[in-house]
Every structure is written in structure tokens, then in C-alpha cells.
Amino acid sequence: MLIIQSQLLTELSAMLTVLLSTTKMLTIQSQLLTELSAALTVLLSTTKMLTIQSQLLTELSAALTVLLSTTKMLTIQSQLLTELSAALTILLSTTKMLTIQSHFTDNFSGLLLSFL
């Protein structure tokens, strides 16, 4: 009887050792799952941030495209204004020349009439 009880106690001790080891393994697995969950939460948050950054970069790219287009339009307007200014300068110069010629013609006509 004592031998049987001793064997049973030995087997029970072995079973308790296995149960304790399994419990430790489950505890470690639970901790690992908790850490994995935290890592996945951080990853999700980072992914959301990257998505927001991507959207902001897309909007910034659109804004820069508009700015570039506006800058090109302003450059074209500036060139047109420069050409218009040159044309107006030529027109003013021509008008002055025509005015001088008109005065000269009037004076010359007056001189011719005085000789006649």
C-alpha cells in the first residue's frame, strides 16, 4: 500500500510539475500577447499618422501646383506688361516725333506763306 501511495505521490508530483510548467507557459504567452497587442496598437497609430501625413503631402502638392501655376501666370503677365510698356514707350516716342514734325510743318508753312 505504501509503495502504491508513494508511486501515486510521485506521479501526482510529476503531474503538478507539468501543470505548474504549463501555467508558467500560459502566463508567458499571456504577457507576450499583451506586448503584441501594444505593439499592434502602436503600429496602427503609426499607420494612421502616415495616412494623415500622406493626405497632407497630397494637399501640399496640390497647393504647390496651384502656386506654380499662379507664378507662371504672374511671370507671363509680367512679360506682357514689359512688352506693353515697351510698346507704349514707342507710341509715346512716335507721338512726340509727330508733334515735333507737326510744329515744324506749321512753322515751315508759316515761313513759306510769309515769303509768298
Protein backbone atom coordinates (compact mmCIF):
# COMPACT_ATOMS: atom_id res chain seq x y z
CA MET A 1 0.00 0.00 0.00
CA LEU A 2 2.75 2.38 0.94
CA ILE A 3 4.59 1.60 -2.25
CA ILE A 4 1.44 2.28 -4.28
CA GLN A 5 0.85 5.53 -2.39
CA SER A 6 4.47 6.52 -2.90
CA GLN A 7 4.14 5.85 -6.64
CA LEU A 8 0.87 7.80 -6.75
CA LEU A 9 2.50 10.70 -4.91
CA THR A 10 5.41 10.60 -7.33
CA GLU A 11 3.02 10.62 -10.30
CA LEU A 12 0.95 13.37 -8.67
CA SER A 13 4.12 15.39 -8.08
CA ALA A 14 5.09 14.93 -11.71
CA MET A 15 1.60 15.98 -12.82
CA LEU A 16 1.75 19.06 -10.59
CA THR A 17 5.17 19.92 -12.04
CA VAL A 18 3.74 19.65 -15.55
CA LEU A 19 0.70 21.72 -14.54
CA LEU A 20 2.94 24.37 -12.96
CA SER A 21 5.15 24.44 -16.07
CA THR A 22 2.05 24.74 -18.29
CA THR A 23 0.71 27.55 -16.09
CA LYS A 24 4.06 29.37 -16.39
CA MET A 25 3.98 28.91 -20.16
CA LEU A 26 0.41 30.27 -20.31
CA THR A 27 1.45 33.27 -18.20
CA ILE A 28 4.39 33.95 -20.53
CA GLN A 29 2.10 33.57 -23.56
CA SER A 30 -0.39 35.98 -21.98
CA GLN A 31 2.38 38.54 -21.40
CA LEU A 32 3.61 38.10 -24.97
CA LEU A 33 0.06 38.58 -26.29
CA THR A 34 -0.29 41.74 -24.19
CA GLU A 35 3.01 43.10 -25.58
CA LEU A 36 1.98 42.09 -29.12
CA SER A 37 -1.33 43.90 -28.65
CA ALA A 38 0.52 47.03 -27.50
CA ALA A 39 2.89 46.78 -30.50
CA LEU A 40 -0.07 46.39 -32.87
CA THR A 41 -1.75 49.43 -31.29
CA VAL A 42 1.42 51.48 -31.85
CA LEU A 43 1.64 50.17 -35.42
CA LEU A 44 -1.99 51.09 -36.08
CA SER A 45 -1.42 54.56 -34.65
CA THR A 46 1.72 54.96 -36.79
CA THR A 47 -0.19 53.78 -39.87
CA LYS A 48 -2.92 56.34 -39.17
CA MET A 49 -0.29 59.05 -38.78
CA LEU A 50 1.37 58.00 -42.05
CA THR A 51 -2.03 58.08 -43.77
CA ILE A 52 -2.67 61.59 -42.42
CA GLN A 53 0.84 62.66 -43.50
CA SER A 54 0.23 61.19 -46.95
CA GLN A 55 -3.03 63.15 -47.25
CA LEU A 56 -1.30 66.32 -46.09
CA LEU A 57 1.50 65.78 -48.62
CA THR A 58 -1.09 65.28 -51.35
CA GLU A 59 -2.81 68.54 -50.35
CA LEU A 60 0.56 70.30 -50.15
CA SER A 61 1.46 69.00 -53.61
CA ALA A 62 -1.84 70.34 -54.97
CA ALA A 63 -1.22 73.70 -53.28
CA LEU A 64 2.30 73.86 -54.72
CA THR A 65 0.94 73.01 -58.18
CA VAL A 66 -1.54 75.88 -57.88
CA LEU A 67 1.24 78.16 -56.63
CA LEU A 68 3.48 77.13 -59.53
CA SER A 69 0.66 77.75 -61.98
CA THR A 70 -0.02 81.15 -60.40
CA THR A 71 3.68 82.00 -60.53
CA LYS A 72 3.79 81.07 -64.23
CA MET A 73 0.73 83.23 -64.86
CA LEU A 74 2.34 86.14 -62.99
CA THR A 75 5.55 85.65 -65.00
CA ILE A 76 3.55 85.71 -68.24
CA GLN A 77 1.65 88.82 -67.03
CA SER A 78 4.97 90.45 -66.12
CA GLN A 79 6.35 89.73 -69.59
CA LEU A 80 3.19 91.06 -71.19
CA LEU A 81 3.41 94.21 -69.07
CA THR A 82 7.04 94.64 -70.09
CA GLU A 83 6.10 94.29 -73.76
CA LEU A 84 3.15 96.66 -73.28
CA SER A 85 5.44 99.17 -71.58
CA ALA A 86 7.87 98.94 -74.50
CA ALA A 87 5.00 99.40 -76.97
CA LEU A 88 3.71 102.40 -75.01
CA THR A 89 7.23 103.87 -74.92
CA ILE A 90 7.46 103.53 -78.71
CA LEU A 91 3.98 105.02 -79.08
CA LEU A 92 4.91 107.95 -76.84
CA SER A 93 8.14 108.48 -78.76
CA THR A 94 6.25 108.34 -82.08
CA THR A 95 3.65 110.77 -80.75
CA LYS A 96 6.41 113.20 -79.70
CA MET A 97 8.04 112.87 -83.11
CA LEU A 98 4.70 113.51 -84.83
CA THR A 99 4.13 116.53 -82.58
CA ILE A 100 7.59 117.89 -83.40
CA GLN A 101 7.00 117.25 -87.11
CA SER A 102 3.62 118.98 -86.88
CA HIS A 103 5.19 122.04 -85.21
CA PHE A 104 8.00 122.05 -87.77
CA THR A 105 5.48 121.76 -90.63
CA ASP A 106 3.39 124.59 -89.15
CA ASN A 107 6.47 126.81 -88.75
CA PHE A 108 7.72 125.90 -92.22
CA SER A 109 4.27 126.58 -93.69
CA GLY A 110 4.24 129.96 -91.93
CA LEU A 111 7.66 130.80 -93.35
CA LEU A 112 6.62 129.78 -96.88
CA LEU A 113 3.47 131.86 -96.63
CA SER A 114 5.44 134.86 -95.44
CA PHE A 115 7.74 134.60 -98.48
CA LEU A 116 4.82 134.31 -100.85
